Amino acid sequence: MTVGERRIELAGFLRARREQLTPGDVGLPVGPRRRTPGLRRQEVAQLAAVSVEWYTRLEQGRVGVPGVTVLDSLAGALRLTDAQRRHLHLIARGEAPARRHEPAPVRPSLRAVLDGMPLLPAYVVDFRFDVLAHNAAAAALFGAEFGTGPTANTARALFLDEPMRATQLDWRRIAREMVGNLRANLARHPGDARLREVIDELGRASADFAGWWRDQTVSERTHGRKRIQHPEAGLLTVCYDVLGSPDGSDQHLFTITPEGAADELKLRGLITRYSRFRLAAM
């Protein structure tokens, strides 16, 4: 297939998929009666974070070869299946996309370490900051839903989850560390689609992230201290340590320890109450 033929095929595919969707399918208000079926071009552009003018030219076959990240944004906006996403990349670029992210399993021995620390919150993340596993103490500190939904990725939770952000009294410092960590991880995994997806989303959704990303800060957290304003326990000052995996999986174990005796009492109280709640719910 020539470049010209691919442009025609791409334009037809995008237009057809856009017309197959309704505003309700993508979480947009239905609004007044529509003259055209499906979504409007400006709605697709808005969902994909591209300009309406650029998207219009793309549907008309008047744009060069789109980048991988833009294609993945369009795939998300148009709610494409994995097969449709692959087809989109093939007709747009002539090559298959990178495989979608599949979290690496946590080794049983590392899982045993987590469960063997009942009084210390701990969790495992990969280099994308997706939460792969956590212990009950982490759920007691961060909430029963920790590791799922808005907190399934700690970078997203830090910048985009308002309840989580509100508890972090040292948010600005911790958030800047996170940006530097993501930049360092991107250098090690430049082709990882999931990591790029997280970074791109944060860049679009957070002005703070976008500004700090531009300053080229690079950092790798190994330990630190932070204050948490917990809704139940009040002010907690804790230390965190980050332990890397030497096996090449680039997974990291985060452990939280109380700084002082008063913090330890508050943390133990939280964990005890959470454990009783879990037992009562069984």
Protein backbone atom coordinates (compact mmCIF):
# COMPACT_ATOMS: atom_id res chain seq x y z
CA MET A 1 0.00 0.00 0.00
CA THR A 2 1.43 3.38 -1.01
CA VAL A 3 1.51 6.42 1.28
CA GLY A 4 -1.35 7.96 -0.68
CA GLU A 5 -3.43 4.81 -0.42
CA ARG A 6 -2.77 4.61 3.32
CA ARG A 7 -3.97 8.21 3.77
CA ILE A 8 -7.24 7.42 1.97
CA GLU A 9 -7.71 4.24 3.99
CA LEU A 10 -6.94 6.05 7.24
CA ALA A 11 -9.37 8.88 6.46
CA GLY A 12 -12.17 6.42 5.71
CA PHE A 13 -11.50 4.37 8.81
CA LEU A 14 -11.49 7.38 11.14
CA ARG A 15 -14.65 8.79 9.61
CA ALA A 16 -16.48 5.46 9.82
CA ARG A 17 -15.48 4.87 13.43
CA ARG A 18 -16.45 8.43 14.42
CA GLU A 19 -19.89 7.97 12.89
CA GLN A 20 -20.39 4.70 14.79
CA LEU A 21 -20.04 6.36 18.20
CA THR A 22 -22.53 8.44 20.14
CA PRO A 23 -21.66 11.14 22.68
CA GLY A 24 -22.90 8.82 25.41
CA ASP A 25 -20.37 6.17 24.33
CA VAL A 26 -17.49 8.50 25.24
CA GLY A 27 -18.98 10.27 28.25
CA LEU A 28 -20.08 13.47 26.48
CA PRO A 29 -23.49 15.12 26.93
CA VAL A 30 -25.94 14.28 24.15
CA GLY A 31 -27.05 17.89 23.69
CA PRO A 32 -29.50 19.09 21.03
CA ARG A 33 -30.52 17.16 17.94
CA ARG A 34 -27.61 16.43 15.58
CA ARG A 35 -27.49 16.76 11.82
CA THR A 36 -24.73 14.21 11.36
CA PRO A 37 -24.50 10.69 12.79
CA GLY A 38 -22.01 9.87 15.52
CA LEU A 39 -19.48 12.25 17.00
CA ARG A 40 -18.48 15.59 15.59
CA ARG A 41 -14.90 16.13 14.49
CA GLN A 42 -14.34 18.70 17.21
CA GLU A 43 -15.46 16.16 19.82
CA VAL A 44 -12.95 13.58 18.62
CA ALA A 45 -10.24 16.24 18.55
CA GLN A 46 -11.12 17.28 22.10
CA LEU A 47 -11.00 13.70 23.38
CA ALA A 48 -7.67 13.04 21.64
CA ALA A 49 -6.15 16.40 22.73
CA VAL A 50 -5.39 17.51 19.15
CA SER A 51 -6.53 20.57 17.24
CA VAL A 52 -9.77 20.44 15.26
CA GLU A 53 -7.97 21.78 12.19
CA TRP A 54 -5.35 19.02 12.31
CA TYR A 55 -7.92 16.29 12.83
CA THR A 56 -10.05 17.62 9.98
CA ARG A 57 -7.07 17.49 7.62
CA LEU A 58 -6.30 13.96 8.84
CA GLU A 59 -9.82 12.81 7.95
CA GLN A 60 -9.40 14.47 4.56
CA GLY A 61 -6.12 12.66 3.86
CA ARG A 62 -4.08 15.87 3.94
CA VAL A 63 -1.71 15.07 6.83
CA GLY A 64 1.63 13.28 6.76
CA VAL A 65 2.42 10.24 8.88
CA PRO A 66 0.95 10.71 12.39
CA GLY A 67 3.10 9.90 15.40
CA VAL A 68 2.61 6.79 17.54
CA THR A 69 1.46 8.78 20.57
CA VAL A 70 -1.13 10.71 18.56
CA LEU A 71 -2.47 7.50 17.06
CA ASP A 72 -2.84 5.99 20.51
CA SER A 73 -4.68 9.12 21.67
CA LEU A 74 -7.04 8.76 18.70
CA ALA A 75 -7.49 5.06 19.47
CA GLY A 76 -8.53 5.98 23.01
CA ALA A 77 -10.84 8.78 21.85
CA LEU A 78 -12.56 6.48 19.34
CA ARG A 79 -12.73 3.58 21.83
CA LEU A 80 -10.89 1.21 19.52
CA THR A 81 -10.40 -2.44 20.40
CA ASP A 82 -6.88 -3.89 20.35
CA ALA A 83 -7.51 -5.23 16.84
CA GLN A 84 -8.80 -1.85 15.65
CA ARG A 85 -5.84 -0.05 17.27
CA ARG A 86 -3.43 -2.36 15.45
CA HIS A 87 -5.27 -1.70 12.18
CA LEU A 88 -5.08 2.06 12.79
CA HIS A 89 -1.30 1.93 13.20
CA LEU A 90 -0.86 -0.30 10.16
CA ILE A 91 -2.83 1.92 7.79
CA ALA A 92 -1.39 5.15 9.22
CA ARG A 93 2.27 4.17 9.58
CA GLY A 94 2.66 0.86 7.82
CA GLU A 95 3.83 -0.81 11.03
CA ALA A 96 2.23 -2.55 13.99
CA PRO A 97 2.06 -0.68 17.30
CA ALA A 98 3.94 -1.68 20.42
CA ARG A 99 2.18 -4.27 22.52
CA ARG A 100 -0.14 -2.93 25.16
CA HIS A 101 1.11 -2.85 28.71
CA GLU A 102 0.61 -6.00 30.74
CA PRO A 103 1.75 -5.64 34.37
CA ALA A 104 4.52 -8.07 35.25
CA PRO A 105 3.56 -10.49 38.01
CA VAL A 106 5.06 -9.90 41.44
CA ARG A 107 7.29 -12.76 42.52
CA PRO A 108 5.82 -14.94 45.30
CA SER A 109 8.86 -14.20 47.47
CA LEU A 110 8.25 -10.45 47.15
CA ARG A 111 4.56 -10.97 47.88
CA ALA A 112 5.65 -12.81 51.05
CA VAL A 113 7.80 -9.83 52.05
CA LEU A 114 4.77 -7.53 51.72
CA ASP A 115 2.52 -9.75 53.79
CA GLY A 116 5.30 -10.31 56.33
CA MET A 117 5.28 -6.61 57.27
CA PRO A 118 1.83 -6.27 58.87
CA LEU A 119 2.68 -3.04 60.72
CA LEU A 120 4.47 -1.25 57.87
CA PRO A 121 2.62 -0.03 54.77
CA ALA A 122 4.35 -1.35 51.66
CA TYR A 123 3.59 -1.71 47.98
CA VAL A 124 5.27 -2.68 44.72
CA VAL A 125 5.21 -0.55 41.57
CA ASP A 126 6.77 -1.00 38.15
CA PHE A 127 8.68 1.70 36.24
CA ARG A 128 5.35 3.14 35.05
CA PHE A 129 4.28 3.53 38.71
CA ASP A 130 1.42 1.08 38.22
CA VAL A 131 0.67 -0.57 41.59
CA LEU A 132 1.34 -4.29 41.21
CA ALA A 133 0.75 -5.38 44.81
CA HIS A 134 0.30 -3.93 48.28
CA ASN A 135 -0.23 -5.14 51.82
CA ALA A 136 -3.12 -4.53 54.20
CA ALA A 137 -1.17 -1.83 56.05
CA ALA A 138 -0.92 0.20 52.82
CA ALA A 139 -4.69 -0.09 52.37
CA ALA A 140 -5.15 1.08 55.97
CA LEU A 141 -3.01 4.17 55.32
CA PHE A 142 -4.06 5.06 51.76
CA GLY A 143 -7.61 3.71 51.69
CA ALA A 144 -9.26 0.36 50.99
CA GLU A 145 -9.37 1.11 47.24
CA PHE A 146 -5.63 1.79 47.00
CA GLY A 147 -4.15 0.18 43.90
CA THR A 148 -7.41 0.34 41.94
CA GLY A 149 -9.29 2.99 39.97
CA PRO A 150 -7.76 6.48 40.41
CA THR A 151 -4.99 5.08 42.61
CA ALA A 152 -4.00 2.18 40.34
CA ASN A 153 -1.03 4.30 39.26
CA THR A 154 0.69 6.37 41.96
CA ALA A 155 1.87 9.07 39.52
CA ARG A 156 -1.69 9.62 38.29
CA ALA A 157 -3.01 9.53 41.86
CA LEU A 158 -0.48 12.14 42.99
CA PHE A 159 -1.40 14.61 40.24
CA LEU A 160 -5.01 13.80 39.34
CA ASP A 161 -6.72 12.30 42.40
CA GLU A 162 -7.80 15.25 44.55
CA PRO A 163 -8.43 13.26 47.76
CA MET A 164 -4.95 11.75 47.55
CA ARG A 165 -3.33 15.08 46.72
CA ALA A 166 -5.06 16.79 49.65
CA THR A 167 -3.41 14.42 52.14
CA GLN A 168 0.12 15.18 50.92
CA LEU A 169 1.35 18.22 52.86
CA ASP A 170 4.67 18.11 51.00
CA TRP A 171 2.93 17.64 47.68
CA ARG A 172 5.04 20.06 45.65
CA ARG A 173 8.34 18.41 46.57
CA ILE A 174 7.02 14.87 46.21
CA ALA A 175 5.34 15.69 42.90
CA ARG A 176 8.54 17.19 41.46
CA GLU A 177 10.41 14.07 42.52
CA MET A 178 7.82 12.00 40.68
CA VAL A 179 8.31 14.01 37.48
CA GLY A 180 12.08 13.50 37.67
CA ASN A 181 11.58 9.80 38.28
CA LEU A 182 9.32 9.43 35.24
CA ARG A 183 11.88 11.20 33.04
CA ALA A 184 14.63 8.88 34.25
CA ASN A 185 12.40 5.85 33.63
CA LEU A 186 11.54 7.05 30.13
CA ALA A 187 15.25 7.16 29.27
CA ARG A 188 15.54 3.51 30.28
CA HIS A 189 12.32 2.44 28.53
CA PRO A 190 11.89 4.85 25.59
CA GLY A 191 9.67 2.48 23.61
CA ASP A 192 7.21 1.59 26.37
CA ALA A 193 3.75 2.65 25.22
CA ARG A 194 2.17 2.48 28.68
CA LEU A 195 4.83 4.74 30.23
CA ARG A 196 4.40 7.26 27.42
CA GLU A 197 0.62 7.07 27.90
CA VAL A 198 0.96 8.00 31.59
CA ILE A 199 3.35 10.88 30.86
CA ASP A 200 1.22 12.26 28.03
CA GLU A 201 -1.95 12.12 30.11
CA LEU A 202 -0.31 13.95 33.01
CA GLY A 203 1.12 16.55 30.65
CA ARG A 204 -2.35 17.26 29.26
CA ALA A 205 -4.21 17.19 32.57
CA SER A 206 -1.79 18.95 34.94
CA ALA A 207 -0.20 22.34 34.34
CA ASP A 208 2.21 21.65 37.21
CA PHE A 209 3.36 18.42 35.58
CA ALA A 210 3.72 20.03 32.16
CA GLY A 211 5.83 22.87 33.56
CA TRP A 212 8.11 20.61 35.56
CA TRP A 213 8.47 18.19 32.65
CA ARG A 214 9.80 21.02 30.49
CA ASP A 215 12.56 21.88 32.96
CA GLN A 216 14.27 18.51 32.22
CA THR A 217 14.59 17.51 35.90
CA VAL A 218 15.88 13.96 36.37
CA SER A 219 15.84 12.21 39.74
CA GLU A 220 15.51 8.75 41.22
CA ARG A 221 13.96 8.52 44.67
CA THR A 222 15.57 6.13 47.12
CA HIS A 223 14.38 7.52 50.46
CA GLY A 224 12.78 10.56 52.01
CA ARG A 225 10.42 12.04 54.57
CA LYS A 226 6.93 13.43 54.12
CA ARG A 227 3.90 14.59 56.08
CA ILE A 228 0.45 13.09 55.56
CA GLN A 229 -2.76 14.73 56.77
CA HIS A 230 -4.79 11.59 57.25
CA PRO A 231 -8.60 12.07 57.49
CA GLU A 232 -8.81 9.70 60.45
CA ALA A 233 -5.41 9.71 62.18
CA GLY A 234 -4.56 13.38 61.68
CA LEU A 235 -0.99 14.49 60.99
CA LEU A 236 1.47 11.68 60.31
CA THR A 237 5.16 12.16 59.61
CA VAL A 238 6.61 9.14 57.84
CA CYS A 239 9.77 8.06 56.10
CA TYR A 240 9.78 6.18 52.82
CA ASP A 241 12.41 3.89 51.35
CA VAL A 242 12.49 2.59 47.80
CA LEU A 243 14.16 -0.73 47.13
CA GLY A 244 14.83 -1.75 43.53
CA SER A 245 14.74 -5.24 42.09
CA PRO A 246 18.10 -6.49 40.74
CA ASP A 247 16.51 -9.02 38.37
CA GLY A 248 15.91 -6.55 35.52
CA SER A 249 12.14 -6.32 36.00
CA ASP A 250 12.47 -2.69 37.17
CA GLN A 251 9.99 -3.22 39.97
CA HIS A 252 10.35 -1.25 43.19
CA LEU A 253 9.26 -1.91 46.75
CA PHE A 254 8.07 1.19 48.62
CA THR A 255 8.02 0.93 52.42
CA ILE A 256 6.53 3.47 54.83
CA THR A 257 7.84 3.78 58.38
CA PRO A 258 6.69 6.18 61.13
CA GLU A 259 9.23 8.86 62.04
CA GLY A 260 8.50 9.07 65.76
CA ALA A 261 6.73 7.32 68.61
CA ALA A 262 3.55 9.39 68.22
CA ASP A 263 3.43 8.61 64.49
CA GLU A 264 3.90 4.91 65.26
CA LEU A 265 0.95 4.90 67.65
CA LYS A 266 -1.29 6.61 65.09
CA LEU A 267 -0.22 4.24 62.32
CA ARG A 268 -0.74 1.15 64.47
CA GLY A 269 -4.18 2.40 65.43
CA LEU A 270 -5.10 2.80 61.77
CA ILE A 271 -3.87 -0.68 60.87
CA THR A 272 -5.63 -2.28 63.85
CA ARG A 273 -8.96 -0.65 63.03
CA TYR A 274 -8.63 -1.60 59.35
CA SER A 275 -7.87 -5.22 60.26
CA ARG A 276 -10.94 -5.38 62.51
CA PHE A 277 -13.06 -3.89 59.73
CA ARG A 278 -11.84 -6.51 57.25
CA LEU A 279 -12.55 -9.35 59.68
CA ALA A 280 -16.03 -8.03 60.38
CA ALA A 281 -16.77 -7.80 56.65
CA MET A 282 -15.83 -11.44 56.00
